[in-house]
């Protein structure tokens, strides 16, 4: 809920906490000394996050700097979870900085195909989600979990005539 975005006493958005996580969502460490955070948030498409992180700050090593690699997750409350796609390392031996680009988790669905047989499918059934649209989507994306689904969507149906559709 973006209404929960932390603001300072002047109403300005506070710098969020970045958490480095494994692919399974286990938190490794906060990334306290990031720089130049840029977020392009999209609510109906993939969001993009870019940030820089120095190898050292004030003479101290950045904890878990070597763990900041592609495919690791960055959790930014309350904005979401992002997959690190690419990293460019710049340095001169005295100073080194990783420039990271990450996409929202929807990125994992890019290029995946979900197979539906011709027919009409219920959107979701909390008692037996197996042959529902959400159930079939989760079957091919096992790292995803179904959160809360409004009850009004339990009675929504969709008919498919093609057998493969993009997950994204």
N, C-alpha and C. Protein backbone atom coordinates (compact mmCIF):
# COMPACT_ATOMS: atom_id res chain seq x y z
N UNK A 1 0.85 -1.18 0.00
CA UNK A 1 0.00 0.00 0.00
C UNK A 1 0.89 1.24 0.00
N UNK A 2 0.85 2.01 -1.07
CA UNK A 2 1.74 3.15 -1.19
C UNK A 2 1.37 4.29 -0.26
N UNK A 3 0.22 4.19 0.42
CA UNK A 3 -0.13 5.18 1.43
C UNK A 3 0.80 5.04 2.64
N UNK A 4 1.47 3.89 2.75
CA UNK A 4 2.38 3.63 3.87
C UNK A 4 3.81 4.06 3.58
N UNK A 5 4.04 4.79 2.50
CA UNK A 5 5.39 5.23 2.18
C UNK A 5 5.86 6.19 3.27
N UNK A 6 7.00 5.88 3.92
CA UNK A 6 7.49 6.73 5.01
C UNK A 6 7.89 8.11 4.51
N UNK A 7 7.46 9.11 5.26
CA UNK A 7 7.77 10.51 4.94
C UNK A 7 8.38 11.19 6.16
N UNK A 8 9.23 12.17 5.90
CA UNK A 8 9.81 12.92 7.01
C UNK A 8 8.83 13.99 7.50
N UNK A 9 9.26 14.81 8.45
CA UNK A 9 8.37 15.81 9.04
C UNK A 9 7.92 16.87 8.05
N UNK A 10 8.60 16.97 6.90
CA UNK A 10 8.22 17.95 5.88
C UNK A 10 7.41 17.32 4.74
N UNK A 11 7.08 16.02 4.87
CA UNK A 11 6.28 15.34 3.86
C UNK A 11 7.08 14.77 2.71
N UNK A 12 8.41 14.85 2.79
CA UNK A 12 9.26 14.29 1.74
C UNK A 12 9.42 12.79 1.95
N UNK A 13 9.46 12.06 0.85
CA UNK A 13 9.63 10.60 0.92
C UNK A 13 11.03 10.30 1.47
N UNK A 14 11.08 9.44 2.48
CA UNK A 14 12.35 9.05 3.07
C UNK A 14 13.04 8.01 2.20
N UNK A 15 14.37 7.94 2.32
CA UNK A 15 15.11 6.92 1.59
C UNK A 15 14.69 5.55 2.12
N UNK A 16 14.32 4.63 1.23
CA UNK A 16 13.88 3.31 1.68
C UNK A 16 15.07 2.44 2.09
N UNK A 17 14.77 1.39 2.81
CA UNK A 17 15.78 0.39 3.18
C UNK A 17 15.81 -0.65 2.07
N UNK A 18 17.02 -0.94 1.58
CA UNK A 18 17.21 -1.99 0.58
C UNK A 18 17.73 -3.23 1.28
N UNK A 19 17.09 -4.37 1.05
CA UNK A 19 17.53 -5.63 1.64
C UNK A 19 18.00 -6.56 0.53
N UNK A 20 19.21 -7.06 0.66
CA UNK A 20 19.73 -8.05 -0.27
C UNK A 20 19.19 -9.40 0.14
N UNK A 21 18.57 -10.14 -0.81
CA UNK A 21 17.95 -11.42 -0.50
C UNK A 21 18.40 -12.49 -1.50
N UNK A 22 18.31 -13.74 -1.05
CA UNK A 22 18.57 -14.86 -1.94
C UNK A 22 17.36 -15.04 -2.86
N UNK A 23 17.49 -15.90 -3.84
CA UNK A 23 16.40 -16.18 -4.78
C UNK A 23 15.16 -16.73 -4.06
N UNK A 24 15.36 -17.38 -2.92
CA UNK A 24 14.24 -17.93 -2.16
C UNK A 24 13.61 -16.89 -1.23
N UNK A 25 14.16 -15.68 -1.19
CA UNK A 25 13.59 -14.62 -0.37
C UNK A 25 14.20 -14.48 1.02
N UNK A 26 15.26 -15.23 1.31
CA UNK A 26 15.92 -15.13 2.62
C UNK A 26 16.80 -13.87 2.63
N UNK A 27 16.62 -13.04 3.64
CA UNK A 27 17.40 -11.80 3.74
C UNK A 27 18.82 -12.11 4.16
N UNK A 28 19.77 -11.54 3.39
CA UNK A 28 21.20 -11.68 3.69
C UNK A 28 21.67 -10.50 4.52
N UNK A 29 21.32 -9.29 4.04
CA UNK A 29 21.80 -8.09 4.73
C UNK A 29 21.11 -6.86 4.18
N UNK A 30 20.94 -5.83 5.01
CA UNK A 30 20.52 -4.53 4.46
C UNK A 30 21.68 -3.93 3.68
N UNK A 31 21.37 -3.13 2.67
CA UNK A 31 22.39 -2.41 1.91
C UNK A 31 22.29 -0.94 2.34
N UNK A 32 23.01 -0.62 3.40
CA UNK A 32 22.85 0.67 4.05
C UNK A 32 23.52 1.82 3.30
N UNK A 33 24.56 1.56 2.55
CA UNK A 33 25.32 2.66 1.96
C UNK A 33 25.13 2.79 0.45
N UNK A 34 23.92 2.50 -0.03
CA UNK A 34 23.66 2.65 -1.47
C UNK A 34 23.61 4.14 -1.83
N UNK A 35 23.80 4.41 -3.12
CA UNK A 35 23.79 5.78 -3.64
C UNK A 35 22.92 5.84 -4.88
N UNK A 36 22.44 7.02 -5.21
CA UNK A 36 21.78 7.30 -6.50
C UNK A 36 20.63 6.36 -6.81
N UNK A 37 19.77 6.09 -5.85
CA UNK A 37 18.62 5.23 -6.10
C UNK A 37 17.66 5.91 -7.07
N UNK A 38 17.32 5.18 -8.14
CA UNK A 38 16.36 5.66 -9.13
C UNK A 38 15.32 4.56 -9.32
N UNK A 39 14.06 4.91 -9.17
CA UNK A 39 13.00 3.92 -9.32
C UNK A 39 12.01 4.39 -10.38
N UNK A 40 11.72 3.51 -11.32
CA UNK A 40 10.68 3.76 -12.32
C UNK A 40 9.59 2.75 -12.04
N UNK A 41 8.62 3.15 -11.23
CA UNK A 41 7.57 2.24 -10.79
C UNK A 41 6.42 2.27 -11.78
N UNK A 42 6.01 1.09 -12.21
CA UNK A 42 4.88 0.95 -13.13
C UNK A 42 3.92 -0.05 -12.51
N UNK A 43 2.67 0.28 -12.51
CA UNK A 43 1.70 -0.56 -11.83
C UNK A 43 1.05 -1.59 -12.75
N UNK A 44 1.32 -1.52 -14.05
CA UNK A 44 0.76 -2.50 -14.98
C UNK A 44 1.83 -3.08 -15.89
N UNK A 45 3.08 -2.98 -15.46
CA UNK A 45 4.20 -3.49 -16.24
C UNK A 45 5.37 -3.69 -15.29
N UNK A 46 6.51 -4.11 -15.83
CA UNK A 46 7.70 -4.28 -15.01
C UNK A 46 8.20 -2.92 -14.51
N UNK A 47 8.56 -2.87 -13.24
CA UNK A 47 9.19 -1.68 -12.68
C UNK A 47 10.70 -1.86 -12.75
N UNK A 48 11.42 -0.73 -12.74
CA UNK A 48 12.87 -0.75 -12.86
C UNK A 48 13.48 0.02 -11.70
N UNK A 49 14.57 -0.53 -11.13
CA UNK A 49 15.31 0.12 -10.06
C UNK A 49 16.78 0.12 -10.44
N UNK A 50 17.42 1.26 -10.20
CA UNK A 50 18.86 1.37 -10.43
C UNK A 50 19.47 2.00 -9.19
N UNK A 51 20.64 1.51 -8.80
CA UNK A 51 21.34 2.10 -7.66
C UNK A 51 22.83 1.76 -7.77
N UNK A 52 23.63 2.53 -7.06
CA UNK A 52 25.07 2.29 -6.99
C UNK A 52 25.40 1.87 -5.57
N UNK A 53 26.41 1.02 -5.45
CA UNK A 53 26.86 0.62 -4.12
C UNK A 53 28.39 0.55 -4.12
N UNK A 54 29.03 1.31 -3.22
CA UNK A 54 30.49 1.31 -3.17
C UNK A 54 31.02 0.08 -2.43
N UNK A 55 32.20 -0.35 -2.80
CA UNK A 55 32.84 -1.49 -2.12
C UNK A 55 33.28 -1.08 -0.72
N UNK A 56 33.60 0.19 -0.54
CA UNK A 56 34.04 0.69 0.76
C UNK A 56 33.37 2.02 1.04
N UNK A 57 33.07 2.27 2.31
CA UNK A 57 32.56 3.57 2.74
C UNK A 57 33.30 3.94 4.03
N UNK A 58 33.90 5.10 4.02
CA UNK A 58 34.66 5.58 5.19
C UNK A 58 35.68 4.54 5.65
N UNK A 59 36.34 3.88 4.70
CA UNK A 59 37.39 2.92 5.01
C UNK A 59 36.91 1.53 5.41
N UNK A 60 35.59 1.35 5.54
CA UNK A 60 35.05 0.04 5.94
C UNK A 60 34.46 -0.66 4.72
N UNK A 61 34.69 -1.98 4.64
CA UNK A 61 34.13 -2.77 3.55
C UNK A 61 32.61 -2.79 3.63
N UNK A 62 31.97 -2.77 2.46
CA UNK A 62 30.53 -2.94 2.41
C UNK A 62 30.24 -4.42 2.64
N UNK A 63 29.43 -4.70 3.67
CA UNK A 63 29.12 -6.09 4.00
C UNK A 63 28.43 -6.77 2.82
N UNK A 64 28.84 -7.97 2.52
CA UNK A 64 28.24 -8.83 1.49
C UNK A 64 28.31 -8.20 0.09
N UNK A 65 29.28 -7.33 -0.13
CA UNK A 65 29.46 -6.69 -1.44
C UNK A 65 29.61 -7.74 -2.55
N UNK A 66 30.35 -8.80 -2.26
CA UNK A 66 30.57 -9.85 -3.27
C UNK A 66 29.31 -10.67 -3.56
N UNK A 67 28.30 -10.56 -2.69
CA UNK A 67 27.04 -11.28 -2.90
C UNK A 67 26.07 -10.49 -3.79
N UNK A 68 26.41 -9.27 -4.09
CA UNK A 68 25.56 -8.44 -4.95
C UNK A 68 25.89 -8.80 -6.39
N UNK A 69 25.11 -9.75 -6.91
CA UNK A 69 25.34 -10.31 -8.24
C UNK A 69 24.00 -10.47 -8.95
N UNK A 70 24.01 -10.64 -10.28
CA UNK A 70 22.75 -10.87 -10.99
C UNK A 70 21.97 -12.06 -10.42
N UNK A 71 20.66 -11.95 -10.49
CA UNK A 71 19.68 -12.93 -10.02
C UNK A 71 19.44 -12.91 -8.52
N UNK A 72 20.20 -12.11 -7.76
CA UNK A 72 19.87 -11.92 -6.34
C UNK A 72 18.68 -10.96 -6.29
N UNK A 73 17.98 -10.97 -5.16
CA UNK A 73 16.81 -10.11 -4.99
C UNK A 73 17.13 -8.89 -4.14
N UNK A 74 16.44 -7.80 -4.43
CA UNK A 74 16.50 -6.59 -3.63
C UNK A 74 15.08 -6.29 -3.19
N UNK A 75 14.84 -6.30 -1.89
CA UNK A 75 13.52 -5.97 -1.37
C UNK A 75 13.54 -4.52 -0.91
N UNK A 76 12.58 -3.75 -1.41
CA UNK A 76 12.47 -2.33 -1.07
C UNK A 76 11.06 -2.10 -0.54
N UNK A 77 10.94 -1.95 0.77
CA UNK A 77 9.61 -1.72 1.38
C UNK A 77 9.21 -0.28 1.18
N UNK A 78 8.01 0.06 0.83
CA UNK A 78 6.88 -0.81 0.49
C UNK A 78 6.73 -1.00 -1.01
N UNK A 79 7.81 -0.84 -1.77
CA UNK A 79 7.72 -0.81 -3.22
C UNK A 79 7.71 -2.19 -3.88
N UNK A 80 8.32 -3.18 -3.26
CA UNK A 80 8.31 -4.50 -3.84
C UNK A 80 9.65 -5.19 -3.81
N UNK A 81 9.72 -6.29 -4.55
CA UNK A 81 10.92 -7.11 -4.65
C UNK A 81 11.39 -7.06 -6.10
N UNK A 82 12.71 -6.92 -6.28
CA UNK A 82 13.30 -6.73 -7.59
C UNK A 82 14.42 -7.74 -7.81
N UNK A 83 14.57 -8.20 -9.05
CA UNK A 83 15.62 -9.16 -9.42
C UNK A 83 16.75 -8.37 -10.06
N UNK A 84 17.97 -8.54 -9.53
CA UNK A 84 19.12 -7.86 -10.14
C UNK A 84 19.37 -8.50 -11.51
N UNK A 85 19.33 -7.66 -12.55
CA UNK A 85 19.54 -8.15 -13.91
C UNK A 85 20.97 -7.97 -14.36
N UNK A 86 21.53 -6.79 -14.08
CA UNK A 86 22.88 -6.52 -14.55
C UNK A 86 23.62 -5.63 -13.56
N UNK A 87 24.94 -5.78 -13.60
CA UNK A 87 25.82 -4.99 -12.74
C UNK A 87 27.01 -4.55 -13.56
N UNK A 88 27.35 -3.28 -13.46
CA UNK A 88 28.56 -2.75 -14.08
C UNK A 88 29.46 -2.28 -12.94
N UNK A 89 30.67 -2.81 -12.90
CA UNK A 89 31.61 -2.45 -11.85
C UNK A 89 32.60 -1.44 -12.41
N UNK A 90 32.72 -0.32 -11.69
CA UNK A 90 33.68 0.73 -12.07
C UNK A 90 34.66 0.90 -10.92
N UNK A 91 35.93 1.03 -11.26
CA UNK A 91 36.89 1.22 -10.20
C UNK A 91 38.26 1.58 -10.73
N UNK A 92 39.08 2.12 -9.82
CA UNK A 92 40.44 2.51 -10.19
C UNK A 92 41.46 1.94 -9.21
N UNK A 93 41.07 0.96 -8.41
CA UNK A 93 41.97 0.38 -7.42
C UNK A 93 41.84 1.03 -6.06
N UNK A 94 41.43 2.29 -6.05
CA UNK A 94 41.23 3.01 -4.80
C UNK A 94 39.75 3.07 -4.46
N UNK A 95 38.93 3.21 -5.50
CA UNK A 95 37.49 3.31 -5.32
C UNK A 95 36.83 2.35 -6.30
N UNK A 96 35.85 1.60 -5.82
CA UNK A 96 35.11 0.68 -6.68
C UNK A 96 33.62 0.80 -6.37
N UNK A 97 32.81 0.86 -7.41
CA UNK A 97 31.36 0.99 -7.26
C UNK A 97 30.66 0.04 -8.23
N UNK A 98 29.65 -0.66 -7.73
CA UNK A 98 28.79 -1.47 -8.58
C UNK A 98 27.55 -0.65 -8.90
N UNK A 99 27.23 -0.54 -10.20
CA UNK A 99 25.98 0.08 -10.64
C UNK A 99 25.04 -1.06 -11.00
N UNK A 100 23.94 -1.15 -10.26
CA UNK A 100 23.02 -2.28 -10.38
C UNK A 100 21.72 -1.86 -11.05
N UNK A 101 21.21 -2.72 -11.90
CA UNK A 101 19.90 -2.55 -12.52
C UNK A 101 19.06 -3.76 -12.16
N UNK A 102 17.85 -3.51 -11.65
CA UNK A 102 16.97 -4.59 -11.22
C UNK A 102 15.56 -4.33 -11.73
N UNK A 103 14.86 -5.42 -12.06
CA UNK A 103 13.46 -5.35 -12.49
C UNK A 103 12.57 -6.00 -11.43
N UNK A 104 11.32 -5.56 -11.40
CA UNK A 104 10.37 -6.15 -10.47
C UNK A 104 10.19 -7.63 -10.78
N UNK A 105 9.67 -8.37 -9.83
CA UNK A 105 9.57 -9.83 -9.96
C UNK A 105 8.79 -10.29 -11.18
N UNK A 106 7.96 -9.43 -11.75
CA UNK A 106 7.24 -9.81 -12.97
C UNK A 106 8.22 -10.21 -14.07
N UNK A 107 9.47 -9.75 -13.95
CA UNK A 107 10.53 -10.10 -14.90
C UNK A 107 10.67 -11.62 -15.03
N UNK A 108 10.45 -12.35 -13.91
CA UNK A 108 10.57 -13.80 -13.96
C UNK A 108 9.58 -14.45 -14.91
N UNK A 109 8.48 -13.75 -15.18
CA UNK A 109 7.45 -14.31 -16.05
C UNK A 109 7.72 -14.05 -17.53
N UNK A 110 8.66 -13.16 -17.80
CA UNK A 110 8.94 -12.78 -19.18
C UNK A 110 9.39 -14.00 -19.99
N UNK A 111 8.75 -14.22 -21.08
CA UNK A 111 9.12 -15.31 -21.97
C UNK A 111 8.53 -16.66 -21.60
N UNK A 112 7.89 -16.77 -20.42
CA UNK A 112 7.27 -18.04 -20.05
C UNK A 112 5.93 -18.17 -20.75
N UNK A 113 5.61 -19.38 -21.12
CA UNK A 113 4.32 -19.67 -21.73
C UNK A 113 3.49 -20.50 -20.77
N UNK A 114 2.23 -20.17 -20.69
CA UNK A 114 1.30 -20.94 -19.87
C UNK A 114 0.33 -21.62 -20.82
N UNK A 115 0.16 -22.91 -20.65
CA UNK A 115 -0.68 -23.68 -21.56
C UNK A 115 -2.07 -23.86 -20.95
N UNK A 116 -3.06 -23.37 -21.67
CA UNK A 116 -4.46 -23.58 -21.33
C UNK A 116 -5.08 -24.37 -22.49
N UNK A 117 -5.82 -25.38 -22.19
CA UNK A 117 -6.58 -26.05 -23.23
C UNK A 117 -7.76 -25.17 -23.61
N UNK A 118 -8.31 -25.36 -24.80
CA UNK A 118 -9.51 -24.61 -25.18
C UNK A 118 -10.59 -24.85 -24.14
N UNK A 119 -11.23 -23.78 -23.72
CA UNK A 119 -12.30 -23.94 -22.75
C UNK A 119 -12.46 -22.72 -21.87
N UNK A 120 -13.37 -22.84 -20.92
CA UNK A 120 -13.68 -21.76 -20.00
C UNK A 120 -13.12 -22.13 -18.63
N UNK A 121 -12.41 -21.18 -18.00
CA UNK A 121 -11.74 -21.42 -16.73
C UNK A 121 -12.22 -20.41 -15.70
N UNK A 122 -12.38 -20.89 -14.49
CA UNK A 122 -12.69 -20.03 -13.35
C UNK A 122 -11.41 -19.30 -12.98
N UNK A 123 -11.52 -18.02 -12.57
CA UNK A 123 -10.33 -17.25 -12.22
C UNK A 123 -9.64 -17.87 -11.00
N UNK A 124 -10.41 -18.15 -9.94
CA UNK A 124 -9.81 -18.70 -8.73
C UNK A 124 -10.86 -19.38 -7.87
N UNK A 125 -10.46 -20.45 -7.23
CA UNK A 125 -11.31 -21.17 -6.27
C UNK A 125 -10.42 -21.51 -5.07
N UNK A 126 -10.67 -20.90 -3.90
CA UNK A 126 -9.78 -21.12 -2.76
C UNK A 126 -9.81 -22.56 -2.24
N UNK A 127 -10.87 -23.30 -2.51
CA UNK A 127 -10.97 -24.68 -2.03
C UNK A 127 -10.21 -25.63 -2.95
N UNK A 128 -10.32 -25.43 -4.26
CA UNK A 128 -9.61 -26.27 -5.22
C UNK A 128 -9.09 -25.40 -6.37
N UNK A 129 -7.92 -24.80 -6.19
CA UNK A 129 -7.38 -23.89 -7.22
C UNK A 129 -6.76 -24.60 -8.42
N UNK A 130 -6.71 -25.92 -8.42
CA UNK A 130 -5.98 -26.69 -9.42
C UNK A 130 -6.26 -26.29 -10.87
N UNK A 131 -7.51 -26.27 -11.28
CA UNK A 131 -7.85 -25.98 -12.67
C UNK A 131 -8.37 -24.56 -12.87
N UNK A 132 -7.93 -23.65 -12.04
CA UNK A 132 -8.31 -22.25 -12.20
C UNK A 132 -7.17 -21.52 -12.91
N UNK A 133 -7.45 -20.32 -13.37
CA UNK A 133 -6.41 -19.54 -14.06
C UNK A 133 -5.22 -19.33 -13.13
N UNK A 134 -5.47 -18.88 -11.90
CA UNK A 134 -4.35 -18.67 -10.97
C UNK A 134 -3.64 -19.97 -10.64
N UNK A 135 -4.38 -21.04 -10.46
CA UNK A 135 -3.77 -22.33 -10.15
C UNK A 135 -2.84 -22.81 -11.26
N UNK A 136 -3.28 -22.68 -12.50
CA UNK A 136 -2.44 -23.08 -13.64
C UNK A 136 -1.21 -22.19 -13.75
N UNK A 137 -1.38 -20.89 -13.51
CA UNK A 137 -0.23 -19.97 -13.54
C UNK A 137 0.79 -20.32 -12.46
N UNK A 138 0.33 -20.65 -11.27
CA UNK A 138 1.23 -20.99 -10.17
C UNK A 138 1.94 -22.32 -10.41
N UNK A 139 1.30 -23.23 -11.11
CA UNK A 139 1.91 -24.51 -11.42
C UNK A 139 3.18 -24.34 -12.25
N UNK A 140 3.16 -23.38 -13.16
CA UNK A 140 4.35 -23.18 -14.01
C UNK A 140 5.31 -22.14 -13.43
N UNK A 141 4.96 -21.57 -12.29
CA UNK A 141 5.81 -20.57 -11.62
C UNK A 141 5.85 -20.91 -10.14
N UNK A 142 6.52 -22.00 -9.81
CA UNK A 142 6.46 -22.55 -8.45
C UNK A 142 7.05 -21.64 -7.38
N UNK A 143 7.87 -20.67 -7.72
CA UNK A 143 8.41 -19.78 -6.70
C UNK A 143 7.40 -18.70 -6.30
N UNK A 144 6.31 -18.60 -7.02
CA UNK A 144 5.27 -17.62 -6.71
C UNK A 144 4.23 -18.25 -5.81
N UNK A 145 3.60 -17.43 -5.00
CA UNK A 145 2.53 -17.87 -4.11
C UNK A 145 1.31 -16.97 -4.34
N UNK A 146 0.13 -17.54 -4.16
CA UNK A 146 -1.09 -16.75 -4.27
C UNK A 146 -1.31 -16.05 -2.94
N UNK A 147 -1.42 -14.74 -2.98
CA UNK A 147 -1.68 -13.96 -1.77
C UNK A 147 -3.17 -13.92 -1.52
N UNK A 148 -3.67 -12.75 -1.25
CA UNK A 148 -5.12 -12.63 -1.02
C UNK A 148 -5.81 -12.33 -2.35
N UNK A 149 -6.93 -12.99 -2.55
CA UNK A 149 -7.74 -12.80 -3.76
C UNK A 149 -9.11 -12.34 -3.30
N UNK A 150 -9.57 -11.19 -3.78
CA UNK A 150 -10.91 -10.72 -3.39
C UNK A 150 -11.98 -11.75 -3.77
N UNK A 151 -12.92 -11.96 -2.87
CA UNK A 151 -13.98 -12.96 -3.08
C UNK A 151 -14.78 -12.69 -4.35
N UNK A 152 -14.89 -11.44 -4.75
CA UNK A 152 -15.67 -11.13 -5.96
C UNK A 152 -15.04 -11.75 -7.22
N UNK A 153 -13.76 -12.12 -7.15
CA UNK A 153 -13.10 -12.74 -8.31
C UNK A 153 -13.32 -14.25 -8.37
N UNK A 154 -13.88 -14.84 -7.31
CA UNK A 154 -14.12 -16.29 -7.30
C UNK A 154 -15.12 -16.70 -8.37
N UNK A 155 -16.00 -15.79 -8.75
CA UNK A 155 -17.04 -16.13 -9.73
C UNK A 155 -16.74 -15.59 -11.13
N UNK A 156 -15.51 -15.14 -11.37
CA UNK A 156 -15.12 -14.62 -12.68
C UNK A 156 -14.57 -15.78 -13.52
N UNK A 157 -14.97 -15.84 -14.78
CA UNK A 157 -14.53 -16.88 -15.71
C UNK A 157 -13.93 -16.24 -16.94
N UNK A 158 -13.06 -16.99 -17.63
CA UNK A 158 -12.51 -16.53 -18.90
C UNK A 158 -12.42 -17.73 -19.84
N UNK A 159 -12.74 -17.47 -21.11
CA UNK A 159 -12.69 -18.52 -22.13
C UNK A 159 -11.44 -18.31 -22.99
N UNK A 160 -10.71 -19.40 -23.20
CA UNK A 160 -9.51 -19.37 -24.04
C UNK A 160 -9.75 -20.19 -25.29
N UNK A 161 -9.30 -19.64 -26.43
CA UNK A 161 -9.37 -20.39 -27.66
C UNK A 161 -7.99 -20.79 -28.16
N UNK A 162 -6.98 -20.08 -27.71
CA UNK A 162 -5.63 -20.48 -28.06
C UNK A 162 -5.09 -21.28 -26.89
N UNK A 163 -4.09 -22.11 -27.11
CA UNK A 163 -3.64 -23.00 -26.04
C UNK A 163 -2.44 -22.46 -25.30
N UNK A 164 -1.69 -21.53 -25.85
CA UNK A 164 -0.54 -20.96 -25.13
C UNK A 164 -0.71 -19.46 -25.05
N UNK A 165 -0.41 -18.92 -23.88
CA UNK A 165 -0.45 -17.48 -23.70
C UNK A 165 0.74 -17.07 -22.86
N UNK A 166 1.22 -15.87 -23.08
CA UNK A 166 2.38 -15.39 -22.33
C UNK A 166 1.98 -15.18 -20.87
N UNK A 167 2.89 -15.51 -19.96
CA UNK A 167 2.63 -15.33 -18.54
C UNK A 167 2.61 -13.86 -18.17
N UNK A 168 3.29 -13.03 -18.94
CA UNK A 168 3.34 -11.61 -18.63
C UNK A 168 2.44 -10.89 -19.53
